Protein backbone atom coordinates (compact mmCIF):
# COMPACT_ATOMS: atom_id res chain seq x y z
CA UNK A 1 17.55 -2.43 -2.13
CA UNK A 2 15.70 0.31 -0.72
CA UNK A 3 11.82 -0.21 -0.83
CA UNK A 4 10.29 2.48 -3.28
CA UNK A 5 6.56 3.78 -4.56
CA UNK A 6 5.81 5.89 -7.60
CA UNK A 7 3.03 7.98 -7.76
CA UNK A 8 0.31 7.23 -10.53
CA UNK A 9 2.12 4.11 -11.12
CA UNK A 10 1.83 2.37 -7.67
CA UNK A 11 -0.80 2.88 -5.55
CA UNK A 12 1.77 1.43 -2.94
CA UNK A 13 3.04 5.23 -2.95
CA UNK A 14 -0.60 6.04 -1.19
CA UNK A 15 -0.89 3.52 1.31
CA UNK A 16 2.44 3.59 2.71
CA UNK A 17 1.81 7.18 3.53
CA UNK A 18 -1.23 6.02 5.49
CA UNK A 19 1.58 3.40 6.95
CA UNK A 20 3.34 6.24 8.00
CA UNK A 21 0.56 8.21 9.75
CA UNK A 22 -0.70 5.20 11.52
CA UNK A 23 2.74 3.85 12.77
CA UNK A 24 3.33 7.80 14.23
CA UNK A 25 -0.11 7.89 15.58
CA UNK A 26 0.44 4.81 17.87
CA UNK A 27 1.15 5.30 21.94
CA UNK A 28 2.18 2.36 23.37
CA UNK A 29 4.14 1.55 27.15
CA UNK A 30 7.44 2.25 25.85
CA UNK A 31 8.69 -0.34 28.74
CA UNK A 32 6.27 -3.02 27.63
CA UNK A 33 7.44 -2.41 24.14
CA UNK A 34 10.79 -2.68 24.40
CA UNK A 35 10.88 -5.75 26.56
CA UNK A 36 8.41 -6.96 23.98
CA UNK A 37 11.08 -6.30 21.22
CA UNK A 38 13.93 -7.95 23.02
CA UNK A 39 11.67 -11.22 23.58
CA UNK A 40 11.07 -11.36 20.24
CA UNK A 41 14.74 -11.15 19.10
CA UNK A 42 16.03 -13.91 21.35
CA UNK A 43 14.13 -16.03 19.40
CA UNK A 44 16.02 -14.81 16.12
CA UNK A 45 18.43 -17.42 15.36
CA UNK A 46 20.46 -14.22 13.60
CA UNK A 47 21.47 -11.82 16.64
CA UNK A 48 23.91 -11.64 18.47
CA UNK A 49 23.02 -12.17 22.31
CA UNK A 50 25.47 -9.35 23.68
CA UNK A 51 23.76 -6.74 21.07
CA UNK A 52 20.55 -7.86 22.53
CA UNK A 53 21.45 -7.54 26.08
CA UNK A 54 23.07 -4.29 25.46
CA UNK A 55 19.44 -2.76 23.71
CA UNK A 56 17.85 -4.32 26.88
CA UNK A 57 20.05 -2.71 29.14
CA UNK A 58 21.12 0.60 27.82
CA UNK A 59 18.18 1.46 25.16
CA UNK A 60 17.40 5.06 27.56
CA UNK A 61 20.97 5.79 27.66
CA UNK A 62 21.21 6.85 23.72
CA UNK A 63 19.48 8.43 21.47
CA UNK A 64 17.34 6.40 18.49
CA UNK A 65 19.39 8.13 16.02
CA UNK A 66 22.48 6.63 17.85
CA UNK A 67 20.78 2.93 18.25
CA UNK A 68 19.87 3.22 14.20
CA UNK A 69 23.50 3.90 13.15
CA UNK A 70 24.68 1.21 15.08
CA UNK A 71 26.57 -1.86 13.67
CA UNK A 72 23.81 -3.81 15.58
CA UNK A 73 20.69 -5.48 14.28
CA UNK A 74 18.50 -2.22 14.91
CA UNK A 75 18.80 -1.04 11.07
CA UNK A 76 18.64 -3.99 9.04
CA UNK A 77 15.94 -5.37 11.13
CA UNK A 78 13.34 -2.40 10.66
CA UNK A 79 14.22 -1.74 7.21
CA UNK A 80 13.63 -5.37 6.09
CA UNK A 81 10.45 -4.86 8.42
CA UNK A 82 9.80 -2.06 5.84
CA UNK A 83 10.29 -3.49 3.23
CA UNK A 84 8.64 -6.53 3.37
CA UNK A 85 6.00 -5.22 5.62
CA UNK A 86 6.43 -7.83 8.05
CA UNK A 87 3.64 -7.58 10.62
CA UNK A 88 5.98 -9.17 13.42
CA UNK A 89 8.77 -7.15 13.20
CA UNK A 90 6.14 -3.79 12.61
CA UNK A 91 4.26 -4.28 15.57
CA UNK A 92 7.60 -5.14 17.54
CA UNK A 93 9.50 -2.05 16.23
CA UNK A 94 6.41 0.43 16.32
CA UNK A 95 7.31 2.34 19.42
CA UNK A 96 11.00 2.91 17.86
CA UNK A 97 10.06 4.24 14.46
CA UNK A 98 7.78 6.80 16.34
CA UNK A 99 10.79 7.34 18.82
CA UNK A 100 13.22 7.52 15.72
CA UNK A 101 10.96 9.56 13.81
CA UNK A 102 10.64 12.50 16.85
CA UNK A 103 14.37 12.24 16.85
CA UNK A 104 15.20 13.18 13.86
CA UNK A 105 12.27 15.87 13.98
CA UNK A 106 13.61 17.21 17.31
CA UNK A 107 16.82 17.60 15.75
CA UNK A 108 15.74 18.88 12.36
CA UNK A 109 13.95 21.87 14.45
CA UNK A 110 17.47 22.48 16.09
CA UNK A 111 19.83 22.68 13.37
CA UNK A 112 17.17 24.64 11.03
CA UNK A 113 17.28 27.35 14.37
CA UNK A 114 20.72 27.35 14.30
CA UNK A 115 21.40 27.71 10.88
CA UNK A 116 23.20 24.69 10.64
CA UNK A 117 21.09 23.68 7.31
CA UNK A 118 20.05 26.82 5.72
CA UNK A 119 21.72 26.88 2.30
CA UNK A 120 20.52 24.72 -0.59
CA UNK A 121 22.68 21.90 -0.98
CA UNK A 122 22.91 18.02 -2.20
CA UNK A 123 23.14 14.87 -0.97
CA UNK A 124 23.76 11.27 -2.54
CA UNK A 125 22.64 7.54 -2.10
CA UNK A 126 24.68 4.67 -3.99
CA UNK A 127 22.32 1.55 -4.33
CA UNK A 128 20.76 -1.07 -6.89
CA UNK A 129 17.60 -1.01 -8.48
CA UNK A 130 15.73 -3.76 -10.24
CA UNK A 131 15.19 -3.54 -13.89
CA UNK A 132 11.16 -3.59 -12.92
CA UNK A 133 11.42 -0.57 -10.44
CA UNK A 134 14.01 1.69 -12.74
CA UNK A 135 11.47 1.23 -15.73
CA UNK A 136 8.53 2.63 -13.33
CA UNK A 137 10.99 5.42 -12.16
CA UNK A 138 11.77 6.39 -15.76
CA UNK A 139 7.72 6.37 -16.28
CA UNK A 140 7.53 8.54 -13.34
CA UNK A 141 10.03 11.20 -14.53
CA UNK A 142 8.30 14.54 -13.43
CA UNK A 143 6.51 12.62 -10.77
CA UNK A 144 6.74 12.03 -7.15
CA UNK A 145 8.62 9.36 -5.57
CA UNK A 146 9.06 7.64 -1.73
CA UNK A 147 11.65 5.88 -0.11
CA UNK A 148 9.31 3.71 2.23
CA UNK A 149 11.78 3.33 5.00
CA UNK A 150 14.30 5.68 7.05
CA UNK A 151 16.63 6.88 4.44
CA UNK A 152 20.67 7.39 4.69
CA UNK A 153 22.24 9.40 2.34
CA UNK A 154 25.81 10.89 2.10
CA UNK A 155 27.15 14.08 1.15
CA UNK A 156 30.45 12.65 -0.52
CA UNK A 157 29.61 11.88 -3.97
CA UNK A 158 32.68 9.55 -4.02
CA UNK A 159 31.77 6.93 -2.02
CA UNK A 160 27.98 7.06 -2.93
CA UNK A 161 29.13 6.82 -6.75
CA UNK A 162 31.55 4.27 -5.58
CA UNK A 163 28.61 2.05 -4.12
CA UNK A 164 26.55 2.27 -7.34
CA UNK A 165 29.09 1.54 -9.77
CA UNK A 166 30.26 -2.14 -7.57
CA UNK A 167 26.42 -2.73 -7.92
CA UNK A 168 26.29 -2.14 -11.74
CA UNK A 169 29.42 -4.34 -12.18
CA UNK A 170 27.85 -6.99 -10.55
CA UNK A 171 26.67 -10.30 -12.39
CA UNK A 172 22.93 -9.39 -11.92
CA UNK A 173 21.63 -8.93 -15.11
CA UNK A 174 18.15 -7.70 -13.48
CA UNK A 175 19.64 -4.77 -11.87
CA UNK A 176 21.23 -1.40 -12.27
CA UNK A 177 23.24 0.56 -10.40
CA UNK A 178 21.91 4.21 -9.27
CA UNK A 179 23.11 7.24 -7.70
CA UNK A 180 20.61 9.78 -6.39
CA UNK A 181 21.30 12.76 -6.33
CA UNK A 182 19.06 14.84 -3.83
CA UNK A 183 18.78 18.17 -3.77
CA UNK A 184 17.52 19.71 -0.90
CA UNK A 185 16.22 23.37 -0.15
CA UNK A 186 15.42 23.87 3.69
CA UNK A 187 13.57 26.95 3.14
CA UNK A 188 11.30 24.70 1.26
CA UNK A 189 11.81 22.10 4.38
CA UNK A 190 10.19 24.40 6.78
CA UNK A 191 6.79 23.36 4.98
CA UNK A 192 7.56 19.71 4.80
CA UNK A 193 6.30 17.17 7.27
CA UNK A 194 9.69 15.04 6.13
CA UNK A 195 12.22 15.83 8.78
CA UNK A 196 15.90 15.17 8.00
CA UNK A 197 19.49 15.85 9.76
CA UNK A 198 23.05 15.68 10.07
CA UNK A 199 24.24 12.67 12.38
CA UNK A 200 27.45 13.31 12.61
CA UNK A 201 27.26 14.94 15.99
CA UNK A 202 24.35 12.44 17.31
CA UNK A 203 25.30 8.96 15.60
CA UNK A 204 27.19 6.31 16.53
CA UNK A 205 30.18 6.83 14.15
CA UNK A 206 31.13 10.24 15.36
CA UNK A 207 34.15 10.48 12.92
CA UNK A 208 32.10 8.79 10.28
CA UNK A 209 30.90 10.44 6.84
CA UNK A 210 28.56 13.40 6.57
CA UNK A 211 25.72 11.48 6.74
CA UNK A 212 21.83 13.12 6.27
CA UNK A 213 19.33 10.81 7.97
CA UNK A 214 15.83 11.23 6.55
CA UNK A 215 12.72 10.28 8.30
CA UNK A 216 10.79 7.27 6.89
CA UNK A 217 8.84 7.66 3.66
CA UNK A 218 10.58 10.69 2.43
CA UNK A 219 9.07 12.06 -0.79
CA UNK A 220 11.11 13.42 -3.42
CA UNK A 221 10.37 14.66 -7.18
CA UNK A 222 12.14 12.43 -9.80
CA UNK A 223 13.74 15.69 -12.14
CA UNK A 224 15.82 13.92 -14.34
CA UNK A 225 17.53 10.40 -15.25
CA UNK A 226 20.59 10.12 -16.98
CA UNK A 227 22.77 7.65 -17.79
CA UNK A 228 26.63 8.03 -17.21
CA UNK A 229 29.18 6.59 -19.35
CA UNK A 230 31.33 4.46 -17.84
CA UNK A 231 34.37 2.32 -18.95
CA UNK A 232 33.28 -0.61 -16.75
CA UNK A 233 29.39 -0.64 -17.29
CA UNK A 234 26.74 0.10 -19.18
CA UNK A 235 24.17 -0.42 -16.08
CA UNK A 236 25.11 3.03 -14.23
CA UNK A 237 22.35 5.63 -14.22
CA UNK A 238 22.21 9.10 -12.35
CA UNK A 239 18.74 10.37 -10.82
CA UNK A 240 18.33 14.14 -10.06
CA UNK A 241 15.57 14.35 -6.96
CA UNK A 242 14.48 16.82 -5.25
CA UNK A 243 12.70 17.11 -1.59
CA UNK A 244 9.23 17.90 -1.59
CA UNK A 245 7.14 20.35 0.88
CA UNK A 246 3.55 19.60 1.51
CA UNK A 247 2.77 22.75 -0.56
CA UNK A 248 3.49 20.97 -3.66
CA UNK A 249 0.28 20.56 -5.68
CA UNK A 250 0.64 17.06 -6.73
CA UNK A 251 1.54 16.68 -2.60
CA UNK A 252 -1.13 18.38 -1.83
CA UNK A 253 -3.70 16.85 -4.33
CA UNK A 254 -2.61 13.48 -2.72
CA UNK A 255 -3.19 14.62 1.02
CA UNK A 256 -6.45 15.62 0.08
CA UNK A 257 -7.54 12.16 -1.69
CA UNK A 258 -6.14 10.47 1.57
CA UNK A 259 -8.03 12.35 3.90
CA UNK A 260 -11.64 12.22 1.86
CA UNK A 261 -11.20 8.43 0.15
CA UNK A 262 -9.25 6.06 2.07
CA UNK A 263 -9.13 4.11 5.73
CA UNK A 264 -10.54 6.41 8.84
CA UNK A 265 -8.66 3.63 11.16
CA UNK A 266 -5.73 4.63 13.56
CA UNK A 267 -2.84 2.88 14.32
CA UNK A 268 -2.86 -0.86 13.93
CA UNK A 269 -6.16 -1.14 12.61
CA UNK A 270 -5.00 1.02 9.63
CA UNK A 271 -2.09 -1.32 9.05
CA UNK A 272 -4.92 -4.35 8.61
CA UNK A 273 -7.10 -1.83 6.50
CA UNK A 274 -3.89 -1.21 4.35
CA UNK A 275 -2.85 -4.93 4.05
CA UNK A 276 -6.24 -5.73 3.37
CA UNK A 277 -6.38 -3.04 0.58
CA UNK A 278 -3.11 -4.29 -1.04
CA UNK A 279 -4.39 -7.81 -1.34
CA UNK A 280 -2.39 -8.58 1.39
CA UNK A 281 -4.88 -10.99 3.18
CA UNK A 282 -2.60 -13.43 4.96
CA UNK A 283 -0.72 -11.16 6.51
CA UNK A 284 -3.51 -9.06 7.76
CA UNK A 285 -5.00 -12.52 9.10
CA UNK A 286 -1.77 -12.45 11.22
CA UNK A 287 -2.14 -9.12 12.30
CA UNK A 288 -6.07 -9.29 13.14
CA UNK A 289 -5.42 -12.35 15.48
CA UNK A 290 -2.46 -10.53 17.18
CA UNK A 291 -4.80 -7.65 18.06
CA UNK A 292 -7.58 -9.64 18.86
CA UNK A 293 -5.51 -10.95 21.86
CA UNK A 294 -4.57 -7.81 22.49
CA UNK A 295 -8.04 -6.15 22.53
CA UNK A 296 -9.33 -4.00 25.56
CA UNK A 297 -12.75 -3.47 24.68
CA UNK A 298 -15.76 -4.88 22.93
CA UNK A 299 -15.90 -2.43 20.14
CA UNK A 300 -12.40 -3.07 19.44
CA UNK A 301 -13.15 -6.83 19.59
CA UNK A 302 -16.09 -6.68 17.29
CA UNK A 303 -14.22 -4.31 14.80
CA UNK A 304 -11.36 -7.22 14.40
CA UNK A 305 -13.66 -9.96 14.07
CA UNK A 306 -15.36 -7.99 10.97
CA UNK A 307 -12.06 -7.29 9.56
CA UNK A 308 -11.33 -10.88 10.03
CA UNK A 309 -14.69 -11.76 7.99
CA UNK A 310 -13.46 -9.89 4.87
CA UNK A 311 -10.13 -11.14 5.35
CA UNK A 312 -11.58 -14.88 5.12
CA UNK A 313 -13.84 -14.07 2.51
CA UNK A 314 -11.20 -12.98 0.63
CA UNK A 315 -8.84 -15.75 1.25
CA UNK A 316 -11.45 -18.25 0.02
CA UNK A 317 -12.65 -19.35 3.18
CA UNK A 318 -16.28 -18.92 3.00
CA UNK A 319 -17.43 -20.75 6.24
CA UNK A 320 -15.40 -18.64 8.76
CA UNK A 321 -16.05 -15.77 7.16
CA UNK A 322 -19.91 -16.77 7.19
CA UNK A 323 -19.90 -17.45 10.49
CA UNK A 324 -18.15 -14.24 11.56
CA UNK A 325 -20.90 -12.48 9.55
CA UNK A 326 -23.73 -14.16 10.72
CA UNK A 327 -22.45 -13.38 14.43
CA UNK A 328 -22.35 -9.59 13.40
CA UNK A 329 -25.85 -9.70 12.12
CA UNK A 330 -27.45 -11.20 15.66
CA UNK A 331 -25.25 -8.71 17.57
CA UNK A 332 -26.44 -5.70 14.93
CA UNK A 333 -30.29 -6.54 15.05
CA UNK A 334 -30.57 -6.14 18.82
CA UNK A 335 -28.67 -2.80 18.88
CA UNK A 336 -29.35 -1.02 15.83
CA UNK A 337 -32.71 0.28 14.44
CA UNK A 338 -34.14 -1.74 11.30
CA UNK A 339 -32.90 0.68 8.76
CA UNK A 340 -29.07 1.27 9.85
CA UNK A 341 -26.54 1.45 7.49
CA UNK A 342 -24.52 -0.93 9.10
CA UNK A 343 -27.37 -4.05 8.73
CA UNK A 344 -27.60 -3.22 4.85
CA UNK A 345 -23.55 -3.88 5.21
CA UNK A 346 -23.96 -6.90 7.22
CA UNK A 347 -26.56 -8.25 4.81
CA UNK A 348 -24.20 -7.40 2.04
CA UNK A 349 -21.45 -9.36 3.18
CA UNK A 350 -23.58 -12.55 3.47
CA UNK A 351 -24.87 -12.06 0.28
CA UNK A 352 -21.40 -12.13 -1.43
CA UNK A 353 -20.62 -15.30 0.48
CA UNK A 354 -23.68 -17.07 0.01
CA UNK A 355 -23.03 -16.47 -3.64
CA UNK A 356 -19.65 -17.87 -3.34
CA UNK A 357 -20.99 -20.88 -1.57
CA UNK A 358 -23.55 -21.26 -4.59
CA UNK A 359 -26.64 -20.54 -2.77
CA UNK A 360 -28.44 -18.19 -5.09
CA UNK A 361 -31.48 -17.59 -3.75
CA UNK A 362 -30.02 -16.93 0.16
CA UNK A 363 -27.78 -14.50 -1.83
CA UNK A 364 -30.20 -12.55 -4.06
CA UNK A 365 -32.19 -12.39 -0.96
CA UNK A 366 -29.67 -10.85 1.43
CA UNK A 367 -28.61 -8.57 -1.30
CA UNK A 368 -32.53 -7.14 -1.96
CA UNK A 369 -32.82 -6.71 1.98
CA UNK A 370 -29.51 -4.65 2.15
CA UNK A 371 -30.41 -2.31 -0.93
CA UNK A 372 -34.07 -1.90 0.83
CA UNK A 373 -32.78 -0.95 3.70
CA UNK A 374 -30.08 1.29 1.89
CA UNK A 375 -32.58 2.95 -0.48
CA UNK A 376 -34.68 3.99 2.87
CA UNK A 377 -31.56 5.09 4.67
CA UNK A 378 -29.00 6.82 1.86
CA UNK A 379 -29.29 9.47 -0.55
CA UNK A 380 -30.28 7.73 -4.46
CA UNK A 381 -26.35 8.46 -5.51
CA UNK A 382 -25.23 6.93 -2.20
CA UNK A 383 -22.11 4.62 -3.62
CA UNK A 384 -23.38 2.00 -1.20
CA UNK A 385 -26.65 1.98 -3.53
CA UNK A 386 -24.18 1.36 -6.64
CA UNK A 387 -22.53 -1.40 -4.45
CA UNK A 388 -26.24 -3.30 -3.91
CA UNK A 389 -26.94 -3.00 -7.66
CA UNK A 390 -24.08 -4.78 -8.52
CA UNK A 391 -23.99 -7.73 -6.00
CA UNK A 392 -27.90 -8.31 -7.11
CA UNK A 393 -26.46 -8.26 -10.87
CA UNK A 394 -23.56 -10.75 -9.70
CA UNK A 395 -25.97 -13.02 -8.50
CA UNK A 396 -28.65 -12.86 -11.55
CA UNK A 397 -25.22 -13.31 -14.02
CA UNK A 398 -24.66 -16.54 -11.88
CA UNK A 399 -28.12 -17.58 -12.49
CA UNK A 400 -27.42 -16.96 -15.90
CA UNK A 401 -30.29 -14.40 -16.51
CA UNK A 402 -27.80 -12.09 -18.61
CA UNK A 403 -31.00 -9.41 -19.50
CA UNK A 404 -31.03 -8.55 -15.65
CA UNK A 405 -28.06 -8.84 -14.81
CA UNK A 406 -26.68 -6.21 -17.06
CA UNK A 407 -29.32 -3.84 -16.29
CA UNK A 408 -28.77 -3.86 -12.61
CA UNK A 409 -24.55 -3.70 -13.51
CA UNK A 410 -25.68 -0.53 -15.62
CA UNK A 411 -27.40 0.96 -12.75
CA UNK A 412 -24.31 0.53 -10.09
CA UNK A 413 -21.96 1.87 -13.15
CA UNK A 414 -24.61 5.36 -13.67
CA UNK A 415 -23.98 5.97 -9.78
CA UNK A 416 -20.44 5.48 -9.65
CA UNK A 417 -19.72 7.65 -12.59
CA UNK A 418 -21.59 10.34 -10.67
CA UNK A 419 -19.94 10.01 -7.30
CA UNK A 420 -16.33 8.69 -7.64
CA UNK A 421 -12.99 9.67 -9.48
CA UNK A 422 -12.51 8.57 -12.75
CA UNK A 423 -9.94 6.16 -11.71
CA UNK A 424 -11.52 4.12 -8.71
CA UNK A 425 -11.20 0.71 -7.92
CA UNK A 426 -14.98 0.35 -8.38
CA UNK A 427 -15.34 1.44 -11.69
CA UNK A 428 -12.82 -1.24 -13.02
CA UNK A 429 -14.92 -4.12 -11.06
CA UNK A 430 -18.05 -2.20 -12.85
CA UNK A 431 -16.47 -2.28 -16.33
CA UNK A 432 -15.24 -5.93 -15.89
CA UNK A 433 -18.94 -7.05 -14.12
CA UNK A 434 -20.57 -5.52 -17.67
CA UNK A 435 -17.81 -7.18 -19.57
CA UNK A 436 -18.42 -10.59 -18.36
CA UNK A 437 -22.34 -10.50 -18.96
CA UNK A 438 -21.47 -8.93 -22.75
CA UNK A 439 -18.90 -11.59 -23.24
CA UNK A 440 -22.07 -14.53 -21.59
CA UNK A 441 -24.57 -13.34 -24.24
CA UNK A 442 -22.13 -13.36 -27.56
CA UNK A 443 -21.60 -9.83 -27.78
CA UNK A 444 -17.74 -9.75 -27.79
CA UNK A 445 -17.21 -6.52 -29.34
CA UNK A 446 -18.79 -4.83 -26.14
CA UNK A 447 -17.43 -7.13 -24.00
CA UNK A 448 -13.71 -6.38 -25.22
CA UNK A 449 -14.39 -2.55 -24.72
CA UNK A 450 -15.59 -3.22 -21.19
CA UNK A 451 -12.92 -5.48 -20.33
CA UNK A 452 -10.04 -2.93 -21.92
CA UNK A 453 -11.55 -0.11 -19.84
CA UNK A 454 -12.10 -2.19 -16.80
CA UNK A 455 -7.56 -2.78 -17.31
CA UNK A 456 -6.60 0.57 -18.04
CA UNK A 457 -7.96 1.87 -14.67
CA UNK A 458 -6.51 -1.56 -12.68
CA UNK A 459 -3.45 -0.65 -13.94
CA UNK A 460 -3.32 2.82 -12.05
CA UNK A 461 -5.73 2.31 -9.40
CA UNK A 462 -4.03 -0.92 -7.80
CA UNK A 463 -0.56 -2.41 -6.89
CA UNK A 464 1.52 -3.87 -9.86
CA UNK A 465 0.81 -7.59 -8.00
CA UNK A 466 -2.25 -6.95 -7.28
CA UNK A 467 -4.47 -10.40 -8.26
CA UNK A 468 -7.40 -8.19 -9.90
CA UNK A 469 -4.31 -7.40 -12.46
CA UNK A 470 -4.41 -11.23 -13.64
CA UNK A 471 -8.06 -11.15 -13.72
CA UNK A 472 -8.24 -8.50 -16.20
CA UNK A 473 -5.24 -9.94 -18.61
CA UNK A 474 -7.30 -13.41 -18.16
CA UNK A 475 -10.57 -11.97 -19.27
CA UNK A 476 -9.24 -10.21 -22.20
CA UNK A 477 -7.42 -13.49 -23.17
CA UNK A 478 -10.70 -15.06 -23.18
CA UNK A 479 -12.28 -12.49 -25.75
CA UNK A 480 -9.63 -13.08 -27.63
CA UNK A 481 -10.12 -16.77 -28.32
CA UNK A 482 -13.41 -15.71 -29.61
CA UNK A 483 -12.03 -12.74 -31.93
CA UNK A 484 -8.29 -14.07 -32.34
CA UNK A 485 -7.32 -10.60 -31.07
CA UNK A 486 -3.87 -10.44 -29.58
CA UNK A 487 -4.56 -13.80 -28.69
CA UNK A 488 -1.22 -15.15 -27.80
CA UNK A 489 0.05 -11.88 -25.84
CA UNK A 490 -2.56 -11.95 -23.47
CA UNK A 491 -2.57 -15.70 -23.05
CA UNK A 492 0.78 -15.74 -22.09
CA UNK A 493 0.63 -12.50 -19.47
CA UNK A 494 -2.43 -14.65 -18.29
CA UNK A 495 -0.97 -18.11 -17.63
CA UNK A 496 2.43 -16.66 -16.65
CA UNK A 497 0.95 -13.95 -14.52
CA UNK A 498 3.77 -11.10 -16.34
CA UNK A 499 1.35 -8.20 -15.60
CA UNK A 500 3.28 -5.79 -18.20
CA UNK A 501 2.26 -2.38 -18.76
CA UNK A 502 0.82 -2.98 -21.89
CA UNK A 503 -2.97 -3.00 -23.57
CA UNK A 504 -4.66 -4.30 -26.53
CA UNK A 505 -4.55 -1.99 -29.60
C-alpha cells in the first residue's frame, strides 16, 4: 500500500515534508553512490544478479524516470524504503531520489512550456487502504494529505477502477478498495513545488498506459469521499482529490511553521532529527553510527555524538547517554564562556540522565546550574527557561516534595503558554506533569482535568503510534481507578495500546 499522512491528524505529514527537503538537499559523489547501491544490492537475496549488473553498467545511459519505470528492483526497493523509513535503503538510494526528482522537475517544465499539459485534467489511482488510514482520511475531508513516495497514476479510469475493485474483493476485511480521482490544474502547478510528468515518451514502457508520475511527497486536498455501489463488494470507495499549490493557505501555514519551529539541520542530519521526533530511536541510532563513520570534520563528529546521547537517553541506556553528555561538557567548558546557552543545555541533559539513574541530588544540582545559566543568557520568557523549571519540578516530584514541584511546573507552564502554539507537544508534557503532582496530592479532579488537556494536545501533535499517547491513556486509567470514571475503557486502551481517537467525557 502507498504510504500516506494526513494534516491535522498525522504529524508525520509535517515531518515527511522535512524528509523530502533533506533528501533533495544532499549532494554526494554520484559515482561512489552508485557503487554503494550496487554493493548493497549484491548482499540482498531477492534481487537478480543480471538486474544489478545492468544498473552498474548502464545507469548513466538512461534517465532516472526510465529506471524507475523498469520492471527491475528500483521501483519496489525505493518505495519500500520510503514506506518503512528504512535507513539503509534511504541512505543507499538518496542519490537516486534526488536524480529522479530533478528529472521529473526538468521534464515537467518542458511539458508545461510546450503546452503538453495545459488544460485541467484528471488522473486516477486504484489501490488498497487500511481501515485505520481510511478513517483518518474521512476525518481529514477538506484538509490535506500527502503520498509519501513517488506516485504513479493513470489517465485510464477503467484500469484504476479494476485494481481498486480487486483489492476490495479480497479476503482482508481490515482494508478497503480506493480509487483516487485526482484533478490537476496545470495553471496552479506553475506555483507548486510538486512536479508531475507524462512518462509515455520517457518511461521504460513506451507503448504502455497513459501514466502520470508525481514526485515524492505530493500533497493533495481531500474534496469528497463517496461509497461506490458495486454488486461484488461493499468495500469500494471513490476519493476526489485536487493537487495543491504553494499558494494554498493551509500549505503556506504549514511551510511557515516548518521553517520557524522545526529542525534547522540539513541532509542526513535532518533525517536523524526526524527519526527522533517520531520516536524511531533505534533507526536514529543506526543512522548516526553510519554518519559517524563517514564524518569529515570535528564539528560533524561532535554533532553526531550529541545526537547519539539523546538517542541512548530515549532508549533507556542511561549510562551510555551520561558518558556522551559528560564528554560534551568537558569539551564545552574549555571552549565556551561560563554563561553560554550550550553549557546550560549540557547541564540540562546530564540532569535528566541523573534523574533516570535515581541520583536526585546530582540531578537537582545539574538542573539548577542549567537554570542559573539560562537566566543570565536568555530573556525571561524564553522556552528554555520553561524547560529548566519543568526539570526542577520533575526532580522535586520524584523526591515527593509535591508543593515545590507544583510551583516549578506552573512556572514552566506560564512561560510556555506565552511563547508556544496551543497544540505544541511541550504543553502536553506540562499538563501531564501537573496532573501527576495533583494525583500524588490526592486532588483527582484537577489531576484528571490536566491529563485530559495533555491527551488532547498529544493526539494532534504526535504520530498515532508515539509512546506518549500510551502514557496519556495509562495516566487517565490510573485516575479512573480512584474515581471509577470510564475505568474499563481506559484500562483496556492502556494495556492493549489501542490508541483510538477517543477522549473521556
